[in-house]
Every structure is written in structure tokens, then in C-alpha cells.
Amino acid sequence: MNDLHAWLAQQPHGLHTFRIFQQKLETLGRSEPEQLALCQLLKNMVGSYIEAFDEEPLPVAVADRAHHRLVELLASLNVEANAERRLADLNHVAVCRLW
């Protein structure tokens, strides 16, 4: 997750970045099956954001805020934590919205 966070922090804030992020989550979920639930939740969250603005004008402020929220969310996740903390992280991601 740290590599994904570092990558995302360096990317532009457009929908293309979020699509690539979804692809990276797909790859991560396959290579690290213990992170599959987290990857799927993140993919779903990003997918709903992409769907909301696909083929619609994406205001710069919305894109900036969504990117910032996702970067902060990734920074807050601790995949090395105990089961209780990991469950709390999963629950947090499950209810998080990017916009």
C-alpha cells in the first residue's frame, strides 16, 4: 500500500489517474490476496467516483479534493496492524466517499 500511496501522490488529479489506480488495485489484490478486501473496497469507491463524472465536466476543485482525500485515506491505512485495526480500516474505507 505504501508504493500505491507514493505513486498516487505524484499523479495528476484527473479521471485517468483514478482508472490507472483501479488497475493497480486489481494487480495488488491478485499478488497480495490478504489485501483483497481492501483492494476491492478501494476499487468500488474509486469506481463510483469515476462513474459519477464519466463524460461529465470534472470541476478542478472536485478533482483536487477527491485526489487529496484518497491520498490521505491511503496514508491512514495500516496493513501491518492487528486484526481489529485492519477491520476498522476496512469499515472506514467502506463508508468513505471521495466527493
Protein backbone atom coordinates (compact mmCIF):
# COMPACT_ATOMS: atom_id res chain seq x y z
CA MET A 1 0.00 0.00 0.00
CA ASN A 2 2.91 2.35 0.62
CA ASP A 3 4.03 2.08 -3.00
CA LEU A 4 0.50 2.76 -4.18
CA HIS A 5 0.29 5.80 -1.91
CA ALA A 6 3.62 7.16 -3.18
CA TRP A 7 2.54 6.62 -6.78
CA LEU A 8 -0.83 8.31 -6.30
CA ALA A 9 0.67 11.32 -4.53
CA GLN A 10 2.77 12.02 -7.65
CA GLN A 11 -0.08 11.77 -10.17
CA PRO A 12 -2.34 14.40 -11.73
CA HIS A 13 -5.87 14.64 -10.37
CA GLY A 14 -7.86 13.61 -13.46
CA LEU A 15 -10.09 10.59 -14.01
CA HIS A 16 -7.34 8.84 -15.97
CA THR A 17 -5.27 8.61 -12.77
CA PHE A 18 -8.20 7.05 -10.93
CA ARG A 19 -8.68 4.47 -13.71
CA ILE A 20 -5.00 3.51 -13.53
CA PHE A 21 -5.34 3.38 -9.73
CA GLN A 22 -8.12 0.82 -10.14
CA GLN A 23 -5.88 -1.27 -12.39
CA LYS A 24 -3.09 -1.11 -9.83
CA LEU A 25 -5.52 -2.24 -7.13
CA GLU A 26 -6.54 -5.18 -9.32
CA THR A 27 -2.91 -6.21 -9.68
CA LEU A 28 -2.22 -5.73 -5.97
CA GLY A 29 -5.24 -7.82 -4.99
CA ARG A 30 -4.00 -10.70 -7.14
CA SER A 31 -0.41 -10.51 -5.90
CA GLU A 32 -1.33 -9.98 -2.22
CA PRO A 33 -4.54 -11.92 -1.57
CA GLU A 34 -4.52 -10.92 2.11
CA GLN A 35 -5.27 -7.36 0.88
CA LEU A 36 -8.05 -8.39 -1.49
CA ALA A 37 -10.94 -7.00 0.58
CA LEU A 38 -9.22 -3.65 0.99
CA CYS A 39 -8.36 -3.50 -2.70
CA GLN A 40 -11.95 -4.31 -3.66
CA LEU A 41 -13.39 -1.65 -1.35
CA LEU A 42 -10.98 0.95 -2.73
CA LYS A 43 -11.80 -0.08 -6.31
CA ASN A 44 -15.51 0.26 -5.62
CA MET A 45 -15.06 3.68 -4.03
CA VAL A 46 -12.95 4.94 -6.93
CA GLY A 47 -15.32 3.31 -9.42
CA SER A 48 -18.32 5.21 -8.08
CA TYR A 49 -16.34 8.45 -8.38
CA ILE A 50 -15.37 7.66 -11.97
CA GLU A 51 -18.97 6.76 -12.85
CA ALA A 52 -20.28 9.98 -11.32
CA PHE A 53 -18.10 12.14 -13.53
CA ASP A 54 -17.53 9.98 -16.60
CA GLU A 55 -18.34 12.05 -19.69
CA GLU A 56 -19.27 14.98 -17.46
CA PRO A 57 -17.16 18.06 -16.82
CA LEU A 58 -15.00 17.43 -13.77
CA PRO A 59 -14.56 20.65 -11.80
CA VAL A 60 -10.95 21.21 -10.79
CA ALA A 61 -11.88 21.76 -7.13
CA VAL A 62 -13.73 18.42 -7.04
CA ALA A 63 -10.82 16.59 -8.68
CA ASP A 64 -8.32 18.16 -6.29
CA ARG A 65 -10.42 17.34 -3.25
CA ALA A 66 -11.02 13.73 -4.37
CA HIS A 67 -7.33 13.18 -5.05
CA HIS A 68 -6.37 14.70 -1.70
CA ARG A 69 -8.93 12.58 0.18
CA LEU A 70 -7.72 9.40 -1.49
CA VAL A 71 -4.07 10.18 -0.77
CA GLU A 72 -4.93 10.89 2.88
CA LEU A 73 -7.01 7.72 3.11
CA LEU A 74 -4.17 5.57 1.79
CA ALA A 75 -1.76 7.21 4.23
CA SER A 76 -4.07 6.35 7.13
CA LEU A 77 -4.29 2.62 6.32
CA ASN A 78 -2.08 0.22 8.25
CA VAL A 79 -1.97 -3.15 6.53
CA GLU A 80 0.55 -4.42 9.10
CA ALA A 81 -1.78 -3.74 12.05
CA ASN A 82 -3.65 -6.24 14.17
CA ALA A 83 -6.99 -7.64 13.02
CA GLU A 84 -9.04 -5.10 15.00
CA ARG A 85 -7.28 -2.13 13.39
CA ARG A 86 -7.45 -3.68 9.92
CA LEU A 87 -11.19 -4.23 10.36
CA ALA A 88 -11.58 -0.61 11.44
CA ASP A 89 -9.67 0.47 8.31
CA LEU A 90 -11.92 -1.68 6.12
CA ASN A 91 -15.02 -0.20 7.72
CA HIS A 92 -13.65 3.32 7.22
CA VAL A 93 -12.97 2.68 3.54
CA ALA A 94 -16.41 1.10 3.12
CA VAL A 95 -18.18 4.33 4.09
CA CYS A 96 -15.72 6.81 2.61
CA ARG A 97 -16.69 8.95 -0.39
CA LEU A 98 -14.28 10.93 -2.48
CA TRP A 99 -16.56 13.87 -3.21
